[in-house]
PDB file of N, CA and C in Angstrom:
ATOM      1  N   UNK A   1      -4.228  -3.744   6.333  1.00  0.00           N
ATOM      2  CA  UNK A   1      -3.944  -5.123   5.738  1.00  0.00           C
ATOM      3  C   UNK A   1      -2.359  -5.307   5.731  1.00  0.00           C
ATOM      4  N   UNK A   2      -2.006  -6.488   6.100  1.00  0.00           N
ATOM      5  CA  UNK A   2      -0.590  -6.604   5.978  1.00  0.00           C
ATOM      6  C   UNK A   2      -0.204  -6.849   4.568  1.00  0.00           C
ATOM      7  N   UNK A   3       1.006  -6.494   4.008  1.00  0.00           N
ATOM      8  CA  UNK A   3       1.613  -6.701   2.735  1.00  0.00           C
ATOM      9  C   UNK A   3       2.112  -8.154   2.758  1.00  0.00           C
ATOM     10  N   UNK A   4       1.522  -8.861   1.785  1.00  0.00           N
ATOM     11  CA  UNK A   4       1.942 -10.313   1.509  1.00  0.00           C
ATOM     12  C   UNK A   4       3.286 -10.182   0.589  1.00  0.00           C
ATOM     13  N   UNK A   5       4.144 -11.044   0.728  1.00  0.00           N
ATOM     14  CA  UNK A   5       5.212 -11.242  -0.103  1.00  0.00           C
ATOM     15  C   UNK A   5       4.991 -12.185  -1.208  1.00  0.00           C
ATOM     16  N   UNK A   6       5.881 -12.151  -2.364  1.00  0.00           N
ATOM     17  CA  UNK A   6       5.696 -12.977  -3.242  1.00  0.00           C
ATOM     18  C   UNK A   6       5.541 -14.493  -2.884  1.00  0.00           C
ATOM     19  N   UNK A   7       6.314 -14.822  -2.027  1.00  0.00           N
ATOM     20  CA  UNK A   7       6.468 -16.271  -1.554  1.00  0.00           C
ATOM     21  C   UNK A   7       4.837 -16.568  -0.917  1.00  0.00           C
ATOM     22  N   UNK A   8       4.574 -15.658  -0.149  1.00  0.00           N
ATOM     23  CA  UNK A   8       3.306 -15.858   0.738  1.00  0.00           C
ATOM     24  C   UNK A   8       2.124 -15.830  -0.360  1.00  0.00           C
ATOM     25  N   UNK A   9       2.124 -15.086  -1.231  1.00  0.00           N
ATOM     26  CA  UNK A   9       1.002 -15.306  -2.360  1.00  0.00           C
ATOM     27  C   UNK A   9       1.194 -16.590  -3.001  1.00  0.00           C
ATOM     28  N   UNK A  10       2.222 -16.954  -3.537  1.00  0.00           N
ATOM     29  CA  UNK A  10       2.403 -18.283  -3.948  1.00  0.00           C
ATOM     30  C   UNK A  10       1.907 -19.501  -2.884  1.00  0.00           C
ATOM     31  N   UNK A  11       2.093 -19.617  -1.728  1.00  0.00           N
ATOM     32  CA  UNK A  11       1.784 -20.221  -0.669  1.00  0.00           C
ATOM     33  C   UNK A  11       0.092 -20.461  -0.528  1.00  0.00           C
ATOM     34  N   UNK A  12      -0.303 -18.957  -0.490  1.00  0.00           N
ATOM     35  CA  UNK A  12      -1.829 -18.879  -0.441  1.00  0.00           C
ATOM     36  C   UNK A  12      -2.349 -19.424  -1.818  1.00  0.00           C
ATOM     37  N   UNK A  13      -1.924 -19.466  -2.954  1.00  0.00           N
ATOM     38  CA  UNK A  13      -2.441 -19.911  -4.198  1.00  0.00           C
ATOM     39  C   UNK A  13      -2.543 -21.489  -4.147  1.00  0.00           C
ATOM     40  N   UNK A  14      -1.414 -22.126  -3.640  1.00  0.00           N
ATOM     41  CA  UNK A  14      -1.238 -23.553  -3.481  1.00  0.00           C
ATOM     42  C   UNK A  14      -2.210 -24.104  -2.520  1.00  0.00           C
ATOM     43  N   UNK A  15      -2.607 -23.468  -1.442  1.00  0.00           N
ATOM     44  CA  UNK A  15      -3.278 -23.841  -0.348  1.00  0.00           C
ATOM     45  C   UNK A  15      -4.733 -23.769  -0.668  1.00  0.00           C
ATOM     46  N   UNK A  16      -5.043 -22.467  -1.413  1.00  0.00           N
ATOM     47  CA  UNK A  16      -6.381 -22.438  -1.853  1.00  0.00           C
ATOM     48  C   UNK A  16      -6.928 -23.273  -3.005  1.00  0.00           C
ATOM     49  N   UNK A  17      -5.897 -23.856  -3.937  1.00  0.00           N
ATOM     50  CA  UNK A  17      -6.129 -24.829  -4.883  1.00  0.00           C
ATOM     51  C   UNK A  17      -6.270 -26.065  -3.771  1.00  0.00           C
ATOM     52  N   UNK A  18      -5.679 -26.255  -2.867  1.00  0.00           N
ATOM     53  CA  UNK A  18      -5.962 -27.579  -2.265  1.00  0.00           C
ATOM     54  C   UNK A  18      -7.378 -27.610  -1.337  1.00  0.00           C
ATOM     55  N   UNK A  19      -8.039 -26.601  -1.521  1.00  0.00           N
ATOM     56  CA  UNK A  19      -9.275 -26.425  -0.889  1.00  0.00           C
ATOM     57  C   UNK A  19      -9.341 -26.197   0.468  1.00  0.00           C
ATOM     58  N   UNK A  20      -8.085 -25.598   1.205  1.00  0.00           N
ATOM     59  CA  UNK A  20      -7.985 -25.181   2.462  1.00  0.00           C
ATOM     60  C   UNK A  20      -8.908 -24.110   2.926  1.00  0.00           C
ATOM     61  N   UNK A  21      -9.130 -23.793   4.101  1.00  0.00           N
ATOM     62  CA  UNK A  21     -10.079 -22.638   4.456  1.00  0.00           C
ATOM     63  C   UNK A  21      -9.143 -21.442   4.615  1.00  0.00           C
ATOM     64  N   UNK A  22      -9.840 -20.413   4.657  1.00  0.00           N
ATOM     65  CA  UNK A  22      -9.069 -19.067   4.772  1.00  0.00           C
ATOM     66  C   UNK A  22      -8.330 -19.238   6.152  1.00  0.00           C
ATOM     67  N   UNK A  23      -8.959 -19.562   7.094  1.00  0.00           N
ATOM     68  CA  UNK A  23      -8.333 -19.618   8.582  1.00  0.00           C
ATOM     69  C   UNK A  23      -7.051 -20.539   8.422  1.00  0.00           C
ATOM     70  N   UNK A  24      -7.218 -21.589   7.835  1.00  0.00           N
ATOM     71  CA  UNK A  24      -6.145 -22.519   7.666  1.00  0.00           C
ATOM     72  C   UNK A  24      -4.939 -21.722   6.939  1.00  0.00           C
ATOM     73  N   UNK A  25      -5.262 -21.174   5.859  1.00  0.00           N
ATOM     74  CA  UNK A  25      -4.323 -20.497   4.952  1.00  0.00           C
ATOM     75  C   UNK A  25      -3.634 -19.488   5.873  1.00  0.00           C
ATOM     76  N   UNK A  26      -4.396 -18.753   6.580  1.00  0.00           N
ATOM     77  CA  UNK A  26      -3.888 -17.601   7.320  1.00  0.00           C
ATOM     78  C   UNK A  26      -2.747 -18.120   8.529  1.00  0.00           C
ATOM     79  N   UNK A  27      -3.309 -19.034   9.081  1.00  0.00           N
ATOM     80  CA  UNK A  27      -2.224 -19.846  10.019  1.00  0.00           C
ATOM     81  C   UNK A  27      -0.922 -20.240   9.408  1.00  0.00           C
ATOM     82  N   UNK A  28      -1.112 -20.840   8.274  1.00  0.00           N
ATOM     83  CA  UNK A  28       0.151 -21.494   7.720  1.00  0.00           C
ATOM     84  C   UNK A  28       0.995 -20.322   7.159  1.00  0.00           C
ATOM     85  N   UNK A  29       0.528 -19.275   6.689  1.00  0.00           N
ATOM     86  CA  UNK A  29       1.135 -18.096   6.005  1.00  0.00           C
ATOM     87  C   UNK A  29       1.498 -16.840   7.027  1.00  0.00           C
ATOM     88  N   UNK A  30       1.149 -17.119   8.332  1.00  0.00           N
ATOM     89  CA  UNK A  30       1.471 -16.339   9.414  1.00  0.00           C
ATOM     90  C   UNK A  30       0.696 -14.845   9.220  1.00  0.00           C
ATOM     91  N   UNK A  31      -0.619 -14.953   8.873  1.00  0.00           N
ATOM     92  CA  UNK A  31      -1.241 -13.546   8.850  1.00  0.00           C
ATOM     93  C   UNK A  31      -2.689 -13.751   9.220  1.00  0.00           C
ATOM     94  N   UNK A  32      -3.482 -12.627   8.968  1.00  0.00           N
ATOM     95  CA  UNK A  32      -4.805 -12.742   9.641  1.00  0.00           C
ATOM     96  C   UNK A  32      -5.741 -13.305   8.737  1.00  0.00           C
ATOM     97  N   UNK A  33      -6.791 -14.028   8.875  1.00  0.00           N
ATOM     98  CA  UNK A  33      -7.863 -14.232   8.098  1.00  0.00           C
ATOM     99  C   UNK A  33      -8.513 -13.449   7.243  1.00  0.00           C
ATOM    100  N   UNK A  34      -8.539 -12.137   7.635  1.00  0.00           N
ATOM    101  CA  UNK A  34      -9.014 -11.132   6.995  1.00  0.00           C
ATOM    102  C   UNK A  34      -8.239 -10.761   6.016  1.00  0.00           C
ATOM    103  N   UNK A  35      -6.821 -10.792   6.002  1.00  0.00           N
ATOM    104  CA  UNK A  35      -5.796 -10.564   5.113  1.00  0.00           C
ATOM    105  C   UNK A  35      -5.945 -11.538   4.014  1.00  0.00           C
ATOM    106  N   UNK A  36      -6.175 -12.807   4.321  1.00  0.00           N
ATOM    107  CA  UNK A  36      -6.358 -13.746   3.196  1.00  0.00           C
ATOM    108  C   UNK A  36      -7.636 -13.354   2.473  1.00  0.00           C
ATOM    109  N   UNK A  37      -8.677 -13.299   3.089  1.00  0.00           N
ATOM    110  CA  UNK A  37      -9.993 -12.946   2.719  1.00  0.00           C
ATOM    111  C   UNK A  37     -10.007 -11.585   1.791  1.00  0.00           C
ATOM    112  N   UNK A  38      -9.299 -10.482   2.204  1.00  0.00           N
ATOM    113  CA  UNK A  38      -9.277  -9.348   1.297  1.00  0.00           C
ATOM    114  C   UNK A  38      -8.227  -9.531  -0.066  1.00  0.00           C
ATOM    115  N   UNK A  39      -7.199 -10.569   0.216  1.00  0.00           N
ATOM    116  CA  UNK A  39      -6.451 -10.889  -1.007  1.00  0.00           C
ATOM    117  C   UNK A  39      -7.072 -11.505  -2.013  1.00  0.00           C
ATOM    118  N   UNK A  40      -7.729 -12.445  -1.449  1.00  0.00           N
ATOM    119  CA  UNK A  40      -8.397 -13.547  -2.295  1.00  0.00           C
ATOM    120  C   UNK A  40      -9.670 -12.640  -3.230  1.00  0.00           C
ATOM    121  N   UNK A  41     -10.474 -11.621  -2.377  1.00  0.00           N
ATOM    122  CA  UNK A  41     -11.451 -10.976  -3.129  1.00  0.00           C
ATOM    123  C   UNK A  41     -10.930  -9.909  -4.043  1.00  0.00           C
ATOM    124  N   UNK A  42      -9.774  -9.207  -3.583  1.00  0.00           N
ATOM    125  CA  UNK A  42      -9.238  -8.402  -4.462  1.00  0.00           C
ATOM    126  C   UNK A  42      -8.561  -8.830  -5.867  1.00  0.00           C
ATOM    127  N   UNK A  43      -8.119  -9.943  -5.827  1.00  0.00           N
ATOM    128  CA  UNK A  43      -7.466 -10.460  -6.921  1.00  0.00           C
ATOM    129  C   UNK A  43      -8.058 -11.823  -7.546  1.00  0.00           C
ATOM    130  N   UNK A  44      -9.372 -12.117  -6.992  1.00  0.00           N
ATOM    131  CA  UNK A  44     -10.169 -12.955  -7.910  1.00  0.00           C
ATOM    132  C   UNK A  44     -11.145 -12.384  -8.640  1.00  0.00           C
ATOM    133  N   UNK A  45     -10.963 -12.215 -10.084  1.00  0.00           N
ATOM    134  CA  UNK A  45     -11.703 -11.714 -10.918  1.00  0.00           C
ATOM    135  C   UNK A  45     -12.922 -12.733 -11.432  1.00  0.00           C
ATOM    136  N   UNK A  46     -12.743 -13.904 -11.148  1.00  0.00           N
ATOM    137  CA  UNK A  46     -13.537 -14.942 -11.546  1.00  0.00           C
ATOM    138  C   UNK A  46     -14.225 -15.827 -10.422  1.00  0.00           C
ATOM    139  N   UNK A  47     -14.215 -17.043 -10.592  1.00  0.00           N
ATOM    140  CA  UNK A  47     -14.910 -17.937  -9.684  1.00  0.00           C
ATOM    141  C   UNK A  47     -14.090 -17.760  -8.333  1.00  0.00           C
ATOM    142  N   UNK A  48     -14.824 -17.710  -7.243  1.00  0.00           N
ATOM    143  CA  UNK A  48     -13.976 -17.228  -5.993  1.00  0.00           C
ATOM    144  C   UNK A  48     -13.163 -18.530  -5.385  1.00  0.00           C
ATOM    145  N   UNK A  49     -13.359 -19.638  -5.924  1.00  0.00           N
ATOM    146  CA  UNK A  49     -12.540 -20.867  -5.295  1.00  0.00           C
ATOM    147  C   UNK A  49     -11.414 -21.167  -6.303  1.00  0.00           C
ATOM    148  N   UNK A  50     -11.315 -21.071  -7.559  1.00  0.00           N
ATOM    149  CA  UNK A  50     -10.300 -21.609  -8.209  1.00  0.00           C
ATOM    150  C   UNK A  50      -9.284 -20.617  -9.011  1.00  0.00           C
ATOM    151  N   UNK A  51      -9.574 -19.469  -9.289  1.00  0.00           N
ATOM    152  CA  UNK A  51      -8.772 -18.331 -10.072  1.00  0.00           C
ATOM    153  C   UNK A  51      -7.882 -17.596  -9.229  1.00  0.00           C
ATOM    154  N   UNK A  52      -7.566 -17.800  -8.074  1.00  0.00           N
ATOM    155  CA  UNK A  52      -6.495 -16.925  -7.500  1.00  0.00           C
ATOM    156  C   UNK A  52      -5.145 -17.430  -7.967  1.00  0.00           C
ATOM    157  N   UNK A  53      -4.335 -16.428  -8.555  1.00  0.00           N
ATOM    158  CA  UNK A  53      -2.995 -16.808  -9.225  1.00  0.00           C
ATOM    159  C   UNK A  53      -2.055 -15.991  -8.387  1.00  0.00           C
ATOM    160  N   UNK A  54      -1.064 -16.429  -7.636  1.00  0.00           N
ATOM    161  CA  UNK A  54      -0.029 -15.848  -6.824  1.00  0.00           C
ATOM    162  C   UNK A  54       0.614 -14.861  -7.388  1.00  0.00           C
ATOM    163  N   UNK A  55       1.211 -15.353  -8.719  1.00  0.00           N
ATOM    164  CA  UNK A  55       2.085 -14.540  -9.499  1.00  0.00           C
ATOM    165  C   UNK A  55       1.536 -13.348 -10.142  1.00  0.00           C
ATOM    166  N   UNK A  56       0.229 -13.532 -10.505  1.00  0.00           N
ATOM    167  CA  UNK A  56      -0.705 -12.422 -11.093  1.00  0.00           C
ATOM    168  C   UNK A  56      -0.868 -11.458 -10.023  1.00  0.00           C
ATOM    169  N   UNK A  57      -1.323 -12.057  -8.776  1.00  0.00           N
ATOM    170  CA  UNK A  57      -1.730 -11.186  -7.652  1.00  0.00           C
ATOM    171  C   UNK A  57      -0.446 -10.266  -7.262  1.00  0.00           C
ATOM    172  N   UNK A  58       0.715 -10.821  -7.279  1.00  0.00           N
ATOM    173  CA  UNK A  58       1.991  -9.959  -6.942  1.00  0.00           C
ATOM    174  C   UNK A  58       2.109  -8.844  -7.831  1.00  0.00           C
ATOM    175  N   UNK A  59       2.116  -9.228  -9.237  1.00  0.00           N
ATOM    176  CA  UNK A  59       2.188  -8.171 -10.244  1.00  0.00           C
ATOM    177  C   UNK A  59       1.270  -7.011  -9.915  1.00  0.00           C
ATOM    178  N   UNK A  60      -0.276  -7.499  -9.638  1.00  0.00           N
ATOM    179  CA  UNK A  60      -1.156  -6.501  -9.645  1.00  0.00           C
ATOM    180  C   UNK A  60      -0.764  -5.510  -8.162  1.00  0.00           C
ATOM    181  N   UNK A  61      -0.286  -6.290  -7.235  1.00  0.00           N
ATOM    182  CA  UNK A  61       0.103  -5.743  -5.829  1.00  0.00           C
ATOM    183  C   UNK A  61       1.165  -4.546  -6.223  1.00  0.00           C
ATOM    184  N   UNK A  62       2.147  -4.865  -6.991  1.00  0.00           N
ATOM    185  CA  UNK A  62       3.140  -3.853  -7.339  1.00  0.00           C
ATOM    186  C   UNK A  62       2.880  -2.714  -8.078  1.00  0.00           C
ATOM    187  N   UNK A  63       1.811  -3.075  -9.039  1.00  0.00           N
ATOM    188  CA  UNK A  63       1.301  -1.974  -9.915  1.00  0.00           C
ATOM    189  C   UNK A  63       0.407  -1.211  -9.114  1.00  0.00           C
ATOM    190  N   UNK A  64      -0.280  -1.538  -8.371  1.00  0.00           N
ATOM    191  CA  UNK A  64      -1.152  -0.677  -7.343  1.00  0.00           C
ATOM    192  C   UNK A  64      -0.473   0.147  -6.543  1.00  0.00           C
ATOM    193  N   UNK A  65       0.790  -0.390  -6.122  1.00  0.00           N
ATOM    194  CA  UNK A  65       1.706   0.240  -5.122  1.00  0.00           C
ATOM    195  C   UNK A  65       2.237   1.403  -5.833  1.00  0.00           C
ATOM    196  N   UNK A  66       2.713   0.979  -7.018  1.00  0.00           N
ATOM    197  CA  UNK A  66       3.319   2.302  -7.963  1.00  0.00           C
ATOM    198  C   UNK A  66       2.281   3.305  -8.320  1.00  0.00           C
ATOM    199  N   UNK A  67       1.110   2.850  -8.748  1.00  0.00           N
ATOM    200  CA  UNK A  67       0.085   3.953  -9.008  1.00  0.00           C
ATOM    201  C   UNK A  67      -0.112   4.869  -7.778  1.00  0.00           C
ATOM    202  N   UNK A  68      -0.169   4.123  -6.537  1.00  0.00           N
ATOM    203  CA  UNK A  68      -0.605   5.073  -5.317  1.00  0.00           C
ATOM    204  C   UNK A  68       0.493   6.116  -4.972  1.00  0.00           C
ATOM    205  N   UNK A  69       1.781   5.523  -5.400  1.00  0.00           N
ATOM    206  CA  UNK A  69       2.831   6.513  -5.015  1.00  0.00           C
ATOM    207  C   UNK A  69       2.989   7.716  -6.421  1.00  0.00           C
ATOM    208  N   UNK A  70       2.273   7.305  -7.392  1.00  0.00           N
ATOM    209  CA  UNK A  70       2.491   8.363  -8.637  1.00  0.00           C
ATOM    210  C   UNK A  70       1.597   9.419  -8.101  1.00  0.00           C
ATOM    211  N   UNK A  71       0.345   9.234  -7.266  1.00  0.00           N
ATOM    212  CA  UNK A  71      -0.698  10.281  -6.973  1.00  0.00           C
ATOM    213  C   UNK A  71      -0.111  11.080  -5.859  1.00  0.00           C
ATOM    214  N   UNK A  72       1.081  10.619  -5.063  1.00  0.00           N
ATOM    215  CA  UNK A  72       1.346  11.207  -3.999  1.00  0.00           C
ATOM    216  C   UNK A  72       2.018  12.739  -4.080  1.00  0.00           C
ATOM    217  N   UNK A  73       1.683  13.520  -3.352  1.00  0.00           N
ATOM    218  CA  UNK A  73       2.461  14.987  -3.639  1.00  0.00           C
ATOM    219  C   UNK A  73       3.731  15.000  -2.818  1.00  0.00           C
ATOM    220  N   UNK A  74       4.654  15.384  -3.613  1.00  0.00           N
ATOM    221  CA  UNK A  74       5.970  15.478  -2.986  1.00  0.00           C
ATOM    222  C   UNK A  74       6.409  16.909  -3.098  1.00  0.00           C
ATOM    223  N   UNK A  75       6.288  17.420  -1.834  1.00  0.00           N
ATOM    224  CA  UNK A  75       6.596  19.021  -1.504  1.00  0.00           C
ATOM    225  C   UNK A  75       7.901  19.378  -2.137  1.00  0.00           C
ATOM    226  N   UNK A  76       8.812  18.399  -2.024  1.00  0.00           N
ATOM    227  CA  UNK A  76      10.192  18.646  -2.372  1.00  0.00           C
ATOM    228  C   UNK A  76      10.158  18.954  -3.903  1.00  0.00           C
ATOM    229  N   UNK A  77       9.464  18.321  -4.805  1.00  0.00           N
ATOM    230  CA  UNK A  77       9.496  18.727  -6.118  1.00  0.00           C
ATOM    231  C   UNK A  77       9.025  19.913  -6.706  1.00  0.00           C
ATOM    232  N   UNK A  78       8.055  20.541  -5.778  1.00  0.00           N
ATOM    233  CA  UNK A  78       7.692  21.890  -5.843  1.00  0.00           C
ATOM    234  C   UNK A  78       8.591  23.021  -5.608  1.00  0.00           C
ATOM    235  N   UNK A  79       9.177  23.645  -6.552  1.00  0.00           N
ATOM    236  CA  UNK A  79      10.314  24.808  -6.124  1.00  0.00           C
ATOM    237  C   UNK A  79       9.675  25.804  -5.088  1.00  0.00           C
ATOM    238  N   UNK A  80       8.546  26.299  -5.312  1.00  0.00           N
ATOM    239  CA  UNK A  80       7.904  27.283  -4.294  1.00  0.00           C
ATOM    240  C   UNK A  80       7.760  26.526  -2.780  1.00  0.00           C
ATOM    241  N   UNK A  81       7.286  25.291  -2.780  1.00  0.00           N
ATOM    242  CA  UNK A  81       7.140  24.730  -1.545  1.00  0.00           C
ATOM    243  C   UNK A  81       8.497  24.575  -0.874  1.00  0.00           C
ATOM    244  N   UNK A  82       9.594  23.976  -1.719  1.00  0.00           N
ATOM    245  CA  UNK A  82      10.785  23.604  -1.051  1.00  0.00           C
ATOM    246  C   UNK A  82      11.496  24.977  -0.639  1.00  0.00           C
ATOM    247  N   UNK A  83      11.297  26.114  -1.255  1.00  0.00           N
ATOM    248  CA  UNK A  83      11.980  27.326  -0.950  1.00  0.00           C
ATOM    249  C   UNK A  83      11.301  27.879   0.326  1.00  0.00           C
ATOM    250  N   UNK A  84      10.084  27.631   0.540  1.00  0.00           N
ATOM    251  CA  UNK A  84       9.312  27.900   1.745  1.00  0.00           C
ATOM    252  C   UNK A  84       9.855  27.262   2.697  1.00  0.00           C
ATOM    253  N   UNK A  85      10.033  25.873   2.578  1.00  0.00           N
ATOM    254  CA  UNK A  85      10.526  25.081   3.748  1.00  0.00           C
ATOM    255  C   UNK A  85      11.990  25.489   4.113  1.00  0.00           C
ATOM    256  N   UNK A  86      12.850  25.681   3.243  1.00  0.00           N
ATOM    257  CA  UNK A  86      14.033  26.017   3.517  1.00  0.00           C
ATOM    258  C   UNK A  86      14.045  27.398   4.378  1.00  0.00           C
ATOM    259  N   UNK A  87      13.311  28.306   3.762  1.00  0.00           N
ATOM    260  CA  UNK A  87      13.269  29.722   4.616  1.00  0.00           C
ATOM    261  C   UNK A  87      13.142  29.382   5.975  1.00  0.00           C
ATOM    262  N   UNK A  88      11.900  28.668   6.150  1.00  0.00           N
ATOM    263  CA  UNK A  88      11.414  28.507   7.604  1.00  0.00           C
ATOM    264  C   UNK A  88      12.265  27.755   8.306  1.00  0.00           C
ATOM    265  N   UNK A  89      12.895  26.765   8.003  1.00  0.00           N
ATOM    266  CA  UNK A  89      13.931  25.966   8.575  1.00  0.00           C
ATOM    267  C   UNK A  89      15.102  26.989   9.010  1.00  0.00           C
ATOM    268  N   UNK A  90      15.513  27.876   8.328  1.00  0.00           N
ATOM    269  CA  UNK A  90      16.580  28.657   8.549  1.00  0.00           C
ATOM    270  C   UNK A  90      16.080  29.820   9.733  1.00  0.00           C
ATOM    271  N   UNK A  91      14.911  29.963   9.701  1.00  0.00           N
ATOM    272  CA  UNK A  91      14.386  30.760  10.928  1.00  0.00           C
ATOM    273  C   UNK A  91      14.003  29.922  12.148  1.00  0.00           C
ATOM    274  N   UNK A  92      14.324  28.673  12.218  1.00  0.00           N
ATOM    275  CA  UNK A  92      14.267  27.703  13.167  1.00  0.00           C
ATOM    276  C   UNK A  92      12.841  27.369  13.574  1.00  0.00           C
ATOM    277  N   UNK A  93      11.896  27.607  12.486  1.00  0.00           N
ATOM    278  CA  UNK A  93      10.458  26.800  12.921  1.00  0.00           C
ATOM    279  C   UNK A  93      10.669  25.274  12.841  1.00  0.00           C
ATOM    280  N   UNK A  94       9.764  24.876  13.393  1.00  0.00           N
ATOM    281  CA  UNK A  94       9.604  23.436  13.751  1.00  0.00           C
ATOM    282  C   UNK A  94       8.879  22.775  12.564  1.00  0.00           C
ATOM    283  N   UNK A  95       9.201  21.446  12.145  1.00  0.00           N
ATOM    284  CA  UNK A  95       8.484  20.775  10.961  1.00  0.00           C
ATOM    285  C   UNK A  95       6.863  20.891  11.134  1.00  0.00           C
ATOM    286  N   UNK A  96       6.430  20.901  12.551  1.00  0.00           N
ATOM    287  CA  UNK A  96       5.058  21.078  12.673  1.00  0.00           C
ATOM    288  C   UNK A  96       4.528  22.476  12.256  1.00  0.00           C
ATOM    289  N   UNK A  97       5.163  23.435  12.722  1.00  0.00           N
ATOM    290  CA  UNK A  97       4.852  24.772  12.249  1.00  0.00           C
ATOM    291  C   UNK A  97       4.795  24.832  10.786  1.00  0.00           C
ATOM    292  N   UNK A  98       6.054  24.522  10.279  1.00  0.00           N
ATOM    293  CA  UNK A  98       6.055  24.560   8.684  1.00  0.00           C
ATOM    294  C   UNK A  98       4.867  24.003   8.092  1.00  0.00           C
ATOM    295  N   UNK A  99       4.654  22.670   8.612  1.00  0.00           N
ATOM    296  CA  UNK A  99       3.443  21.758   7.850  1.00  0.00           C
ATOM    297  C   UNK A  99       1.971  22.520   8.118  1.00  0.00           C
ATOM    298  N   UNK A 100       1.980  23.248   9.288  1.00  0.00           N
ATOM    299  CA  UNK A 100       0.742  23.807   9.721  1.00  0.00           C
ATOM    300  C   UNK A 100       0.516  24.898   8.640  1.00  0.00           C
ATOM    301  N   UNK A 101       1.441  25.828   8.676  1.00  0.00           N
ATOM    302  CA  UNK A 101       1.425  26.891   7.818  1.00  0.00           C
ATOM    303  C   UNK A 101       1.154  26.741   6.117  1.00  0.00           C
ATOM    304  N   UNK A 102       2.030  25.593   5.721  1.00  0.00           N
ATOM    305  CA  UNK A 102       1.966  25.244   4.497  1.00  0.00           C
ATOM    306  C   UNK A 102       0.317  24.985   4.233  1.00  0.00           C
ATOM    307  N   UNK A 103      -0.172  24.159   5.052  1.00  0.00           N
ATOM    308  CA  UNK A 103      -1.671  23.782   4.796  1.00  0.00           C
ATOM    309  C   UNK A 103      -2.526  24.983   4.621  1.00  0.00           C
ATOM    310  N   UNK A 104      -2.330  25.998   5.555  1.00  0.00           N
ATOM    311  CA  UNK A 104      -3.026  27.119   5.553  1.00  0.00           C
ATOM    312  C   UNK A 104      -2.916  28.046   4.241  1.00  0.00           C
ATOM    313  N   UNK A 105      -1.575  28.041   3.778  1.00  0.00           N
ATOM    314  CA  UNK A 105      -1.319  28.710   2.572  1.00  0.00           C
ATOM    315  C   UNK A 105      -1.528  27.772   1.175  1.00  0.00           C
ATOM    316  N   UNK A 106      -2.023  26.709   1.554  1.00  0.00           N
ATOM    317  CA  UNK A 106      -2.334  25.702   0.479  1.00  0.00           C
ATOM    318  C   UNK A 106      -1.116  25.274  -0.456  1.00  0.00           C
ATOM    319  N   UNK A 107      -0.002  25.212   0.275  1.00  0.00           N
ATOM    320  CA  UNK A 107       1.086  24.612  -0.314  1.00  0.00           C
ATOM    321  C   UNK A 107       1.379  23.254  -0.313  1.00  0.00           C
ATOM    322  N   UNK A 108       0.610  22.765   0.635  1.00  0.00           N
ATOM    323  CA  UNK A 108       0.414  21.248   0.783  1.00  0.00           C
ATOM    324  C   UNK A 108      -1.102  20.908   0.340  1.00  0.00           C
ATOM    325  N   UNK A 109      -1.316  19.587  -0.317  1.00  0.00           N
ATOM    326  CA  UNK A 109      -2.510  19.132  -0.762  1.00  0.00           C
ATOM    327  C   UNK A 109      -3.554  18.739   0.373  1.00  0.00           C
ATOM    328  N   UNK A 110      -2.882  18.384   1.431  1.00  0.00           N
ATOM    329  CA  UNK A 110      -3.811  17.795   2.529  1.00  0.00           C
ATOM    330  C   UNK A 110      -3.642  18.924   3.869  1.00  0.00           C
TER     331      UNK A 110
END
């Protein structure tokens, strides 16, 4: 799904309040109809026609984005993994080799 900006969410809300179809809204804000559909479904906790709030939807999107980044494994924050990467780079291993070996050694979560 394309990421919607604050202004596109506000436009979506205004057009939705006017009773425009998802296809019309998508055309106006230059995205796909499925993006509009998912956005309305994701941020409509009440009646599917009247409760979309662009400002609230933007705050929720920012919160979801922060939460997803909090769950990300950052190998450079792990001293053991960082030491391993530096050691292998000095031995001229490729990033792909390092990544593959780290997965085998379970230094990476995926």
